[in-house]
C-alpha atoms as a PDB file:
ATOM      1  CA  MET A   1    -130.300  64.748-186.407  1.00  0.00           C
ATOM      2  CA  THR A   2    -129.624  65.250-182.724  1.00  0.00           C
ATOM      3  CA  ASP A   3    -127.399  63.860-180.003  1.00  0.00           C
ATOM      4  CA  GLY A   4    -130.092  64.737-177.518  1.00  0.00           C
ATOM      5  CA  LEU A   5    -130.956  67.521-175.094  1.00  0.00           C
ATOM      6  CA  LEU A   6    -130.212  70.301-177.544  1.00  0.00           C
ATOM      7  CA  THR A   7    -131.244  73.758-176.372  1.00  0.00           C
ATOM      8  CA  THR A   8    -133.164  76.203-178.514  1.00  0.00           C
ATOM      9  CA  SER A   9    -135.935  78.796-178.358  1.00  0.00           C
ATOM     10  CA  VAL A  10    -139.432  78.573-179.763  1.00  0.00           C
ATOM     11  CA  GLY A  11    -139.015  81.511-182.121  1.00  0.00           C
ATOM     12  CA  SER A  12    -139.897  85.034-181.073  1.00  0.00           C
ATOM     13  CA  LEU A  13    -137.710  87.060-178.721  1.00  0.00           C
ATOM     14  CA  PRO A  14    -138.617  90.465-177.270  1.00  0.00           C
ATOM     15  CA  LYS A  15    -137.986  93.593-179.265  1.00  0.00           C
ATOM     16  CA  PRO A  16    -135.793  96.114-177.440  1.00  0.00           C
ATOM     17  CA  PRO A  17    -137.463  99.470-176.748  1.00  0.00           C
ATOM     18  CA  HIS A  18    -135.727 101.234-179.621  1.00  0.00           C
ATOM     19  CA  ILE A  19    -137.128  98.723-182.124  1.00  0.00           C
ATOM     20  CA  LEU A  20    -140.647  99.157-180.756  1.00  0.00           C
ATOM     21  CA  ALA A  21    -140.196 102.914-181.069  1.00  0.00           C
ATOM     22  CA  ALA A  22    -138.838 102.559-184.613  1.00  0.00           C
ATOM     23  CA  ARG A  23    -141.820 100.445-185.679  1.00  0.00           C
ATOM     24  CA  GLY A  24    -144.094 103.165-184.333  1.00  0.00           C
ATOM     25  CA  ASP A  25    -142.109 105.833-186.173  1.00  0.00           C
ATOM     26  CA  PHE A  26    -142.350 103.838-189.404  1.00  0.00           C
ATOM     27  CA  ALA A  27    -146.121 103.457-189.037  1.00  0.00           C
ATOM     28  CA  LYS A  28    -146.384 107.238-188.640  1.00  0.00           C
ATOM     29  CA  GLY A  29    -144.096 107.955-191.606  1.00  0.00           C
ATOM     30  CA  ARG A  30    -141.241 109.386-189.526  1.00  0.00           C
ATOM     31  CA  ILE A  31    -138.670 106.903-190.868  1.00  0.00           C
ATOM     32  CA  ASP A  32    -138.586 104.892-194.087  1.00  0.00           C
ATOM     33  CA  ARG A  33    -138.597 101.124-194.479  1.00  0.00           C
ATOM     34  CA  ALA A  34    -134.857 101.003-195.200  1.00  0.00           C
ATOM     35  CA  GLU A  35    -134.053 102.607-191.842  1.00  0.00           C
ATOM     36  CA  LEU A  36    -136.447 100.301-190.007  1.00  0.00           C
ATOM     37  CA  LYS A  37    -134.915  97.266-191.681  1.00  0.00           C
ATOM     38  CA  ARG A  38    -131.415  98.431-190.738  1.00  0.00           C
ATOM     39  CA  LEU A  39    -132.425  98.635-187.086  1.00  0.00           C
ATOM     40  CA  GLU A  40    -134.184  95.266-187.235  1.00  0.00           C
ATOM     41  CA  ARG A  41    -131.076  93.662-188.713  1.00  0.00           C
ATOM     42  CA  GLU A  42    -128.971  95.122-185.889  1.00  0.00           C
ATOM     43  CA  ALA A  43    -131.403  93.726-183.295  1.00  0.00           C
ATOM     44  CA  THR A  44    -131.382  90.343-185.042  1.00  0.00           C
ATOM     45  CA  ALA A  45    -127.587  90.265-184.931  1.00  0.00           C
ATOM     46  CA  GLU A  46    -127.625  91.109-181.219  1.00  0.00           C
ATOM     47  CA  TRP A  47    -129.985  88.227-180.438  1.00  0.00           C
ATOM     48  CA  VAL A  48    -128.001  85.758-182.551  1.00  0.00           C
ATOM     49  CA  ARG A  49    -124.804  86.884-180.802  1.00  0.00           C
ATOM     50  CA  PHE A  50    -126.402  86.445-177.362  1.00  0.00           C
ATOM     51  CA  GLN A  51    -127.597  82.921-178.142  1.00  0.00           C
ATOM     52  CA  ASP A  52    -124.139  82.014-179.388  1.00  0.00           C
ATOM     53  CA  GLU A  53    -122.484  83.458-176.286  1.00  0.00           C
ATOM     54  CA  ILE A  54    -124.584  81.487-173.791  1.00  0.00           C
ATOM     55  CA  GLY A  55    -124.302  78.251-175.757  1.00  0.00           C
ATOM     56  CA  ILE A  56    -127.763  77.758-177.266  1.00  0.00           C
ATOM     57  CA  ASP A  57    -127.464  74.827-179.678  1.00  0.00           C
ATOM     58  CA  ILE A  58    -130.048  75.782-182.324  1.00  0.00           C
ATOM     59  CA  ILE A  59    -130.453  79.486-183.019  1.00  0.00           C
ATOM     60  CA  VAL A  60    -133.582  81.493-183.828  1.00  0.00           C
ATOM     61  CA  ASP A  61    -133.507  84.891-185.486  1.00  0.00           C
ATOM     62  CA  GLY A  62    -135.800  86.347-182.822  1.00  0.00           C
ATOM     63  CA  GLU A  63    -138.395  87.692-185.306  1.00  0.00           C
ATOM     64  CA  GLN A  64    -137.457  91.329-184.755  1.00  0.00           C
ATOM     65  CA  TYR A  65    -139.009  92.154-188.120  1.00  0.00           C
ATOM     66  CA  ARG A  66    -142.402  90.586-187.350  1.00  0.00           C
ATOM     67  CA  GLY A  67    -145.394  91.965-185.493  1.00  0.00           C
ATOM     68  CA  ASP A  68    -148.149  89.414-185.084  1.00  0.00           C
ATOM     69  CA  MET A  69    -147.262  85.906-186.293  1.00  0.00           C
ATOM     70  CA  VAL A  70    -150.344  85.671-188.557  1.00  0.00           C
ATOM     71  CA  ALA A  71    -150.579  89.256-189.761  1.00  0.00           C
ATOM     72  CA  PHE A  72    -146.895  89.157-190.769  1.00  0.00           C
ATOM     73  CA  PHE A  73    -147.550  86.413-193.318  1.00  0.00           C
ATOM     74  CA  ALA A  74    -150.927  87.753-194.412  1.00  0.00           C
ATOM     75  CA  GLU A  75    -149.393  91.129-195.236  1.00  0.00           C
ATOM     76  CA  GLU A  76    -146.977  89.381-197.625  1.00  0.00           C
ATOM     77  CA  LEU A  77    -149.521  87.126-199.369  1.00  0.00           C
ATOM     78  CA  PRO A  78    -151.708  88.482-202.180  1.00  0.00           C
ATOM     79  CA  GLY A  79    -155.348  87.651-201.484  1.00  0.00           C
ATOM     80  CA  PHE A  80    -155.323  89.064-197.948  1.00  0.00           C
ATOM     81  CA  THR A  81    -156.316  92.549-196.865  1.00  0.00           C
ATOM     82  CA  LYS A  82    -155.927  94.173-193.440  1.00  0.00           C
ATOM     83  CA  GLY A  83    -158.897  94.074-191.114  1.00  0.00           C
ATOM     84  CA  GLU A  84    -159.689  95.952-187.938  1.00  0.00           C
ATOM     85  CA  LEU A  85    -157.746  95.742-184.680  1.00  0.00           C
ATOM     86  CA  VAL A  86    -158.636  92.802-182.438  1.00  0.00           C
ATOM     87  CA  ARG A  87    -157.181  91.743-179.092  1.00  0.00           C
ATOM     88  CA  SER A  88    -154.911  88.698-179.255  1.00  0.00           C
ATOM     89  CA  TYR A  89    -153.423  88.415-175.752  1.00  0.00           C
ATOM     90  CA  GLY A  90    -153.665  90.689-172.711  1.00  0.00           C
ATOM     91  CA  ASN A  91    -153.481  94.216-174.087  1.00  0.00           C
ATOM     92  CA  ARG A  92    -151.856  93.172-177.341  1.00  0.00           C
ATOM     93  CA  TYR A  93    -153.717  93.817-180.583  1.00  0.00           C
ATOM     94  CA  TYR A  94    -153.271  92.949-184.235  1.00  0.00           C
ATOM     95  CA  ARG A  95    -155.100  93.736-187.442  1.00  0.00           C
ATOM     96  CA  LYS A  96    -157.015  90.567-188.167  1.00  0.00           C
ATOM     97  CA  PRO A  97    -156.382  89.627-191.813  1.00  0.00           C
ATOM     98  CA  VAL A  98    -159.268  89.138-194.239  1.00  0.00           C
ATOM     99  CA  ALA A  99    -159.043  86.643-197.099  1.00  0.00           C
ATOM    100  CA  THR A 100    -160.704  88.542-199.938  1.00  0.00           C
ATOM    101  CA  GLY A 101    -159.247  86.706-202.940  1.00  0.00           C
ATOM    102  CA  ASP A 102    -157.176  83.716-204.008  1.00  0.00           C
ATOM    103  CA  ILE A 103    -154.246  83.314-201.617  1.00  0.00           C
ATOM    104  CA  VAL A 104    -150.957  83.041-203.525  1.00  0.00           C
ATOM    105  CA  ARG A 105    -147.273  83.561-202.837  1.00  0.00           C
ATOM    106  CA  ASP A 106    -145.427  85.806-205.271  1.00  0.00           C
ATOM    107  CA  HIS A 107    -142.145  86.124-203.346  1.00  0.00           C
ATOM    108  CA  PRO A 108    -140.268  84.469-200.447  1.00  0.00           C
ATOM    109  CA  VAL A 109    -141.460  85.808-197.115  1.00  0.00           C
ATOM    110  CA  THR A 110    -138.828  84.674-194.590  1.00  0.00           C
ATOM    111  CA  LEU A 111    -135.940  83.458-196.728  1.00  0.00           C
ATOM    112  CA  GLU A 112    -133.841  86.633-196.680  1.00  0.00           C
ATOM    113  CA  TRP A 113    -134.126  86.951-192.896  1.00  0.00           C
ATOM    114  CA  TRP A 114    -133.198  83.297-192.370  1.00  0.00           C
ATOM    115  CA  GLN A 115    -130.169  83.669-194.666  1.00  0.00           C
ATOM    116  CA  TYR A 116    -129.068  86.791-192.804  1.00  0.00           C
ATOM    117  CA  ALA A 117    -129.331  85.114-189.387  1.00  0.00           C
ATOM    118  CA  GLN A 118    -127.539  81.994-190.634  1.00  0.00           C
ATOM    119  CA  SER A 119    -124.701  84.149-191.985  1.00  0.00           C
ATOM    120  CA  LEU A 120    -124.058  85.395-188.434  1.00  0.00           C
ATOM    121  CA  THR A 121    -123.387  82.035-186.794  1.00  0.00           C
ATOM    122  CA  ASP A 122    -121.785  78.657-187.399  1.00  0.00           C
ATOM    123  CA  LYS A 123    -124.684  76.994-185.587  1.00  0.00           C
ATOM    124  CA  LEU A 124    -127.880  75.957-187.330  1.00  0.00           C
ATOM    125  CA  VAL A 125    -130.698  78.496-187.491  1.00  0.00           C
ATOM    126  CA  LYS A 126    -134.317  77.348-187.531  1.00  0.00           C
ATOM    127  CA  GLY A 127    -136.641  78.409-190.283  1.00  0.00           C
ATOM    128  CA  MET A 128    -139.796  79.814-188.675  1.00  0.00           C
ATOM    129  CA  LEU A 129    -143.201  79.668-190.364  1.00  0.00           C
ATOM    130  CA  THR A 130    -146.783  80.165-189.219  1.00  0.00           C
ATOM    131  CA  GLY A 131    -148.939  77.170-190.067  1.00  0.00           C
ATOM    132  CA  PRO A 132    -151.894  77.226-192.454  1.00  0.00           C
ATOM    133  CA  TYR A 133    -154.496  76.181-189.909  1.00  0.00           C
ATOM    134  CA  THR A 134    -153.554  78.976-187.500  1.00  0.00           C
ATOM    135  CA  ILE A 135    -153.444  81.610-190.261  1.00  0.00           C
ATOM    136  CA  CYS A 136    -156.959  80.570-191.264  1.00  0.00           C
ATOM    137  CA  ASP A 137    -158.271  80.387-187.720  1.00  0.00           C
ATOM    138  CA  TRP A 138    -156.991  83.844-186.839  1.00  0.00           C
ATOM    139  CA  SER A 139    -158.305  85.460-190.031  1.00  0.00           C
ATOM    140  CA  PHE A 140    -161.681  86.278-191.573  1.00  0.00           C
ATOM    141  CA  ASN A 141    -162.662  84.270-194.656  1.00  0.00           C
ATOM    142  CA  GLU A 142    -164.556  86.174-197.335  1.00  0.00           C
ATOM    143  CA  ALA A 143    -163.059  84.387-200.348  1.00  0.00           C
ATOM    144  CA  TYR A 144    -163.321  80.611-199.965  1.00  0.00           C
ATOM    145  CA  ASP A 145    -166.433  78.457-199.744  1.00  0.00           C
ATOM    146  CA  THR A 146    -165.201  76.561-196.694  1.00  0.00           C
ATOM    147  CA  ARG A 147    -162.558  76.813-193.989  1.00  0.00           C
ATOM    148  CA  GLU A 148    -160.962  73.681-195.418  1.00  0.00           C
ATOM    149  CA  ASP A 149    -160.541  75.340-198.803  1.00  0.00           C
ATOM    150  CA  LEU A 150    -158.780  78.301-197.209  1.00  0.00           C
ATOM    151  CA  VAL A 151    -156.595  76.128-194.979  1.00  0.00           C
ATOM    152  CA  LEU A 152    -155.433  73.996-197.908  1.00  0.00           C
ATOM    153  CA  ALA A 153    -154.726  77.050-200.074  1.00  0.00           C
ATOM    154  CA  LEU A 154    -152.601  78.417-197.257  1.00  0.00           C
ATOM    155  CA  ALA A 155    -150.897  75.043-196.848  1.00  0.00           C
ATOM    156  CA  GLU A 156    -149.682  75.219-200.419  1.00  0.00           C
ATOM    157  CA  VAL A 157    -148.119  78.679-200.054  1.00  0.00           C
ATOM    158  CA  ILE A 158    -146.487  77.795-196.711  1.00  0.00           C
ATOM    159  CA  HIS A 159    -145.162  74.632-198.388  1.00  0.00           C
ATOM    160  CA  GLN A 160    -143.544  76.803-201.063  1.00  0.00           C
ATOM    161  CA  GLU A 161    -141.863  78.851-198.334  1.00  0.00           C
ATOM    162  CA  ALA A 162    -140.609  75.690-196.613  1.00  0.00           C
ATOM    163  CA  VAL A 163    -139.212  74.341-199.876  1.00  0.00           C
ATOM    164  CA  ASP A 164    -137.234  77.553-200.430  1.00  0.00           C
ATOM    165  CA  LEU A 165    -135.833  77.417-196.883  1.00  0.00           C
ATOM    166  CA  ALA A 166    -134.814  73.783-197.334  1.00  0.00           C
ATOM    167  CA  ALA A 167    -133.168  74.526-200.687  1.00  0.00           C
ATOM    168  CA  ALA A 168    -131.186  77.337-199.034  1.00  0.00           C
ATOM    169  CA  GLY A 169    -129.861  74.924-196.408  1.00  0.00           C
ATOM    170  CA  ALA A 170    -132.264  75.117-193.467  1.00  0.00           C
ATOM    171  CA  LYS A 171    -132.030  71.845-191.537  1.00  0.00           C
ATOM    172  CA  TYR A 172    -134.698  72.718-188.978  1.00  0.00           C
ATOM    173  CA  ILE A 173    -138.041  74.158-190.068  1.00  0.00           C
ATOM    174  CA  GLN A 174    -140.730  74.951-187.516  1.00  0.00           C
ATOM    175  CA  ILE A 175    -144.364  75.438-188.497  1.00  0.00           C
ATOM    176  CA  ASP A 176    -146.193  77.150-185.632  1.00  0.00           C
ATOM    177  CA  GLU A 177    -149.748  75.904-185.112  1.00  0.00           C
ATOM    178  CA  PRO A 178    -150.980  77.278-181.766  1.00  0.00           C
ATOM    179  CA  ALA A 179    -154.604  77.048-182.937  1.00  0.00           C
ATOM    180  CA  VAL A 180    -154.438  73.293-183.579  1.00  0.00           C
ATOM    181  CA  SER A 181    -155.431  72.168-180.107  1.00  0.00           C
ATOM    182  CA  THR A 182    -158.357  74.585-179.734  1.00  0.00           C
ATOM    183  CA  ARG A 183    -160.848  72.866-182.078  1.00  0.00           C
ATOM    184  CA  MET A 184    -160.895  69.101-181.727  1.00  0.00           C
ATOM    185  CA  ASP A 185    -163.437  68.793-184.556  1.00  0.00           C
ATOM    186  CA  GLU A 186    -160.865  70.181-187.010  1.00  0.00           C
ATOM    187  CA  LEU A 187    -157.764  68.331-185.859  1.00  0.00           C
ATOM    188  CA  ASP A 188    -157.945  66.085-188.931  1.00  0.00           C
ATOM    189  CA  LEU A 189    -157.942  69.171-191.159  1.00  0.00           C
ATOM    190  CA  ALA A 190    -154.870  70.535-189.366  1.00  0.00           C
ATOM    191  CA  ILE A 191    -153.135  67.181-189.849  1.00  0.00           C
ATOM    192  CA  LYS A 192    -154.009  67.156-193.556  1.00  0.00           C
ATOM    193  CA  ALA A 193    -152.768  70.716-194.055  1.00  0.00           C
ATOM    194  CA  LEU A 194    -149.500  70.141-192.235  1.00  0.00           C
ATOM    195  CA  GLY A 195    -148.921  67.145-194.483  1.00  0.00           C
ATOM    196  CA  VAL A 196    -149.116  69.459-197.491  1.00  0.00           C
ATOM    197  CA  VAL A 197    -146.585  71.829-195.896  1.00  0.00           C
ATOM    198  CA  THR A 198    -144.030  69.141-195.061  1.00  0.00           C
ATOM    199  CA  GLU A 199    -144.390  66.956-198.161  1.00  0.00           C
ATOM    200  CA  GLY A 200    -141.062  66.228-199.852  1.00  0.00           C
ATOM    201  CA  LEU A 201    -138.854  68.115-197.383  1.00  0.00           C
ATOM    202  CA  GLU A 202    -135.803  65.841-197.582  1.00  0.00           C
ATOM    203  CA  GLY A 203    -133.033  66.169-195.015  1.00  0.00           C
ATOM    204  CA  VAL A 204    -135.056  68.569-192.871  1.00  0.00           C
ATOM    205  CA  HIS A 205    -136.088  68.102-189.235  1.00  0.00           C
ATOM    206  CA  THR A 206    -139.667  69.371-189.207  1.00  0.00           C
ATOM    207  CA  ILE A 207    -141.289  70.782-186.069  1.00  0.00           C
ATOM    208  CA  THR A 208    -144.676  72.094-185.104  1.00  0.00           C
ATOM    209  CA  HIS A 209    -145.229  74.230-182.031  1.00  0.00           C
ATOM    210  CA  ILE A 210    -148.511  73.992-180.135  1.00  0.00           C
ATOM    211  CA  CYS A 211    -149.142  75.977-176.971  1.00  0.00           C
ATOM    212  CA  TYR A 212    -151.775  76.466-174.290  1.00  0.00           C
ATOM    213  CA  GLY A 213    -154.522  74.328-175.795  1.00  0.00           C
ATOM    214  CA  ASP A 214    -156.707  71.367-174.932  1.00  0.00           C
ATOM    215  CA  PHE A 215    -153.767  68.978-174.889  1.00  0.00           C
ATOM    216  CA  HIS A 216    -155.474  66.232-172.941  1.00  0.00           C
ATOM    217  CA  ASN A 217    -158.190  65.871-175.588  1.00  0.00           C
ATOM    218  CA  ALA A 218    -155.750  66.386-178.456  1.00  0.00           C
ATOM    219  CA  TYR A 219    -153.427  63.654-177.214  1.00  0.00           C
ATOM    220  CA  PRO A 220    -152.557  61.072-178.533  1.00  0.00           C
ATOM    221  CA  LYS A 221    -154.300  62.151-181.763  1.00  0.00           C
ATOM    222  CA  MET A 222    -151.740  64.954-182.130  1.00  0.00           C
ATOM    223  CA  LEU A 223    -149.079  62.314-182.773  1.00  0.00           C
ATOM    224  CA  GLU A 224    -150.587  61.996-186.260  1.00  0.00           C
ATOM    225  CA  LEU A 225    -149.320  65.476-187.131  1.00  0.00           C
ATOM    226  CA  PRO A 226    -146.858  64.782-190.002  1.00  0.00           C
ATOM    227  CA  VAL A 227    -143.738  66.320-188.483  1.00  0.00           C
ATOM    228  CA  ASP A 228    -140.655  64.915-186.767  1.00  0.00           C
ATOM    229  CA  GLN A 229    -141.122  66.952-183.589  1.00  0.00           C
ATOM    230  CA  ILE A 230    -143.909  68.504-181.550  1.00  0.00           C
ATOM    231  CA  ASP A 231    -142.972  71.438-179.355  1.00  0.00           C
ATOM    232  CA  LEU A 232    -145.145  71.607-176.225  1.00  0.00           C
ATOM    233  CA  GLU A 233    -145.502  73.885-173.222  1.00  0.00           C
ATOM    234  CA  MET A 234    -144.903  71.998-169.987  1.00  0.00           C
ATOM    235  CA  ALA A 235    -143.820  74.486-167.316  1.00  0.00           C
ATOM    236  CA  ASN A 236    -147.045  76.513-167.404  1.00  0.00           C
ATOM    237  CA  SER A 237    -149.126  73.382-166.676  1.00  0.00           C
ATOM    238  CA  ASN A 238    -146.724  71.843-164.153  1.00  0.00           C
ATOM    239  CA  TYR A 239    -145.796  69.072-166.598  1.00  0.00           C
ATOM    240  CA  ASP A 240    -149.313  67.565-166.314  1.00  0.00           C
ATOM    241  CA  LEU A 241    -149.157  66.210-169.863  1.00  0.00           C
ATOM    242  CA  LEU A 242    -146.451  63.772-168.807  1.00  0.00           C
ATOM    243  CA  GLU A 243    -149.189  61.704-167.142  1.00  0.00           C
ATOM    244  CA  ALA A 244    -150.831  61.242-170.542  1.00  0.00           C
ATOM    245  CA  PHE A 245    -147.499  60.017-171.874  1.00  0.00           C
ATOM    246  CA  ARG A 246    -147.522  57.266-169.236  1.00  0.00           C
ATOM    247  CA  GLN A 247    -150.780  55.963-170.668  1.00  0.00           C
ATOM    248  CA  SER A 248    -149.841  56.443-174.337  1.00  0.00           C
ATOM    249  CA  PRO A 249    -146.108  56.883-175.055  1.00  0.00           C
ATOM    250  CA  PHE A 250    -144.932  60.012-176.847  1.00  0.00           C
ATOM    251  CA  THR A 251    -143.318  58.655-180.020  1.00  0.00           C
ATOM    252  CA  LYS A 252    -141.872  61.744-181.725  1.00  0.00           C
ATOM    253  CA  PHE A 253    -139.070  64.147-180.901  1.00  0.00           C
ATOM    254  CA  ILE A 254    -140.284  66.633-178.326  1.00  0.00           C
ATOM    255  CA  GLY A 255    -139.574  70.291-177.733  1.00  0.00           C
ATOM    256  CA  LEU A 256    -139.869  70.352-173.952  1.00  0.00           C
ATOM    257  CA  GLY A 257    -141.101  73.698-172.670  1.00  0.00           C
ATOM    258  CA  VAL A 258    -139.376  74.233-169.319  1.00  0.00           C
ATOM    259  CA  ALA A 259    -139.796  77.989-168.729  1.00  0.00           C
ATOM    260  CA  ASP A 260    -143.149  79.777-168.590  1.00  0.00           C
ATOM    261  CA  SER A 261    -143.158  82.355-171.374  1.00  0.00           C
ATOM    262  CA  HIS A 262    -146.062  84.268-169.865  1.00  0.00           C
ATOM    263  CA  SER A 263    -144.630  84.732-166.399  1.00  0.00           C
ATOM    264  CA  HIS A 264    -142.248  87.441-165.244  1.00  0.00           C
ATOM    265  CA  ARG A 265    -140.804  85.023-162.688  1.00  0.00           C
ATOM    266  CA  ILE A 266    -137.407  83.592-163.607  1.00  0.00           C
ATOM    267  CA  GLU A 267    -137.296  79.863-162.942  1.00  0.00           C
ATOM    268  CA  SER A 268    -134.408  78.526-160.877  1.00  0.00           C
ATOM    269  CA  VAL A 269    -131.841  76.217-162.435  1.00  0.00           C
ATOM    270  CA  ASP A 270    -132.896  73.511-159.973  1.00  0.00           C
ATOM    271  CA  GLU A 271    -136.533  73.868-161.029  1.00  0.00           C
ATOM    272  CA  VAL A 272    -135.787  73.532-164.739  1.00  0.00           C
ATOM    273  CA  GLU A 273    -133.369  70.677-164.136  1.00  0.00           C
ATOM    274  CA  GLY A 274    -136.106  68.875-162.218  1.00  0.00           C
ATOM    275  CA  GLY A 275    -138.541  69.313-165.089  1.00  0.00           C
ATOM    276  CA  ILE A 276    -136.083  67.891-167.596  1.00  0.00           C
ATOM    277  CA  ARG A 277    -135.405  64.900-165.378  1.00  0.00           C
ATOM    278  CA  ARG A 278    -139.138  64.222-164.963  1.00  0.00           C
ATOM    279  CA  ALA A 279    -139.546  64.146-168.732  1.00  0.00           C
ATOM    280  CA  LEU A 280    -136.509  61.894-169.158  1.00  0.00           C
ATOM    281  CA  GLU A 281    -138.358  59.209-167.227  1.00  0.00           C
ATOM    282  CA  LEU A 282    -140.671  58.890-170.229  1.00  0.00           C
ATOM    283  CA  ILE A 283    -138.794  60.231-173.265  1.00  0.00           C
ATOM    284  CA  PRO A 284    -135.182  59.371-174.119  1.00  0.00           C
ATOM    285  CA  ALA A 285    -132.639  62.196-174.232  1.00  0.00           C
ATOM    286  CA  GLU A 286    -131.901  61.610-177.911  1.00  0.00           C
ATOM    287  CA  ARG A 287    -135.474  62.632-178.734  1.00  0.00           C
ATOM    288  CA  MET A 288    -135.608  65.710-176.531  1.00  0.00           C
ATOM    289  CA  PHE A 289    -134.995  69.393-177.264  1.00  0.00           C
ATOM    290  CA  VAL A 290    -135.174  71.890-174.383  1.00  0.00           C
ATOM    291  CA  ASP A 291    -136.727  75.349-174.765  1.00  0.00           C
ATOM    292  CA  PRO A 292    -139.221  77.817-173.268  1.00  0.00           C
ATOM    293  CA  ASP A 293    -142.938  77.032-173.330  1.00  0.00           C
ATOM    294  CA  CYS A 294    -143.605  79.473-176.138  1.00  0.00           C
ATOM    295  CA  GLY A 295    -142.077  82.488-177.846  1.00  0.00           C
ATOM    296  CA  LEU A 296    -140.591  84.968-175.388  1.00  0.00           C
ATOM    297  CA  LYS A 297    -141.686  88.170-177.138  1.00  0.00           C
ATOM    298  CA  THR A 298    -144.046  89.119-174.276  1.00  0.00           C
ATOM    299  CA  ARG A 299    -141.158  89.229-171.774  1.00  0.00           C
ATOM    300  CA  THR A 300    -138.692  92.049-171.310  1.00  0.00           C
ATOM    301  CA  VAL A 301    -135.292  91.647-172.922  1.00  0.00           C
ATOM    302  CA  ASP A 302    -133.678  90.959-169.540  1.00  0.00           C
ATOM    303  CA  GLU A 303    -136.344  88.420-168.566  1.00  0.00           C
ATOM    304  CA  ALA A 304    -135.946  86.545-171.838  1.00  0.00           C
ATOM    305  CA  LYS A 305    -132.175  86.459-171.495  1.00  0.00           C
ATOM    306  CA  ASP A 306    -132.391  85.219-167.906  1.00  0.00           C
ATOM    307  CA  LYS A 307    -134.847  82.453-168.826  1.00  0.00           C
ATOM    308  CA  LEU A 308    -132.619  81.285-171.678  1.00  0.00           C
ATOM    309  CA  ARG A 309    -129.534  81.313-169.444  1.00  0.00           C
ATOM    310  CA  VAL A 310    -131.353  79.135-166.890  1.00  0.00           C
ATOM    311  CA  ILE A 311    -132.444  76.688-169.607  1.00  0.00           C
ATOM    312  CA  VAL A 312    -128.872  76.321-170.872  1.00  0.00           C
ATOM    313  CA  GLU A 313    -127.388  75.870-167.400  1.00  0.00           C
ATOM    314  CA  ALA A 314    -130.024  73.353-166.301  1.00  0.00           C
ATOM    315  CA  THR A 315    -129.532  71.316-169.462  1.00  0.00           C
ATOM    316  CA  ARG A 316    -125.767  71.310-168.951  1.00  0.00           C
ATOM    317  CA  ARG A 317    -126.270  69.974-165.441  1.00  0.00           C
ATOM    318  CA  VAL A 318    -128.444  67.132-166.688  1.00  0.00           C
ATOM    319  CA  LYS A 319    -125.930  66.257-169.388  1.00  0.00           C
ATOM    320  CA  SER A 320    -123.014  66.298-166.957  1.00  0.00           C
ATOM    321  CA  GLN A 321    -124.851  64.275-164.300  1.00  0.00           C
ATOM    322  CA  PRO A 322    -127.121  61.786-166.080  1.00  0.00           C
END
């Protein structure tokens, strides 16, 4: 599905200040949902246009309509209720969902947004889902006897979402599982659940994104995750995981994180080019996608744009001078 070294982004992109203000106004009842959605659609179109202009190969919608990656899905799935505010990263908070009943899916959650983004570009747009293990791990369980029961119930509803995206024409579907590498004792459960999500997805390049976890203990076991591609942060850890690949080859497609999503510093083109070339010593170009370490929503708009520009330019250099 790839000629190699295709550029993309992990998923989230920063919300411009006016969108953050609009979300606050909506929460306080100052604007209605229709007005908020109009503004979110405008911001989505701006991000799609930017990615097109700089030459990103595979587009993301930027998730301008989402808050927290778990709470967004939980708010759309019957069986969840909102919990209290908890800290997720730095000074960022979200309302931790509570599973209080049977988790079901009574409507598509992301389909309309994916269709809108795809209508804006001739390039392929990734479908973006949060994985069942992470939704469970970042929620309270007051409904199911075991964590496994909740994870597998979530796997079924996320599978339904993936099936709808595939039927609509999505060729790339990413299932974010940042919690997977934090509990080695439940890695088998995460593998089982992801298998439920991806079962029967014909003609789709499936991806899971894992970031900032215990990679060295998770590898090579993580290669059992039933997806075509694993998206990994590399820049933040100085590409240390490449040493593990020397001992046990990485056998899937890789999303190579080459820009630190949690740093304000803008990497140089030379720096990113060097990272790509280091990885190419171990993984062939035809199995490599190039992107930031993680979603860029914690950066400013200008920082995110600059990091993406550097990624595109560095990748072009590598392609033009193998």
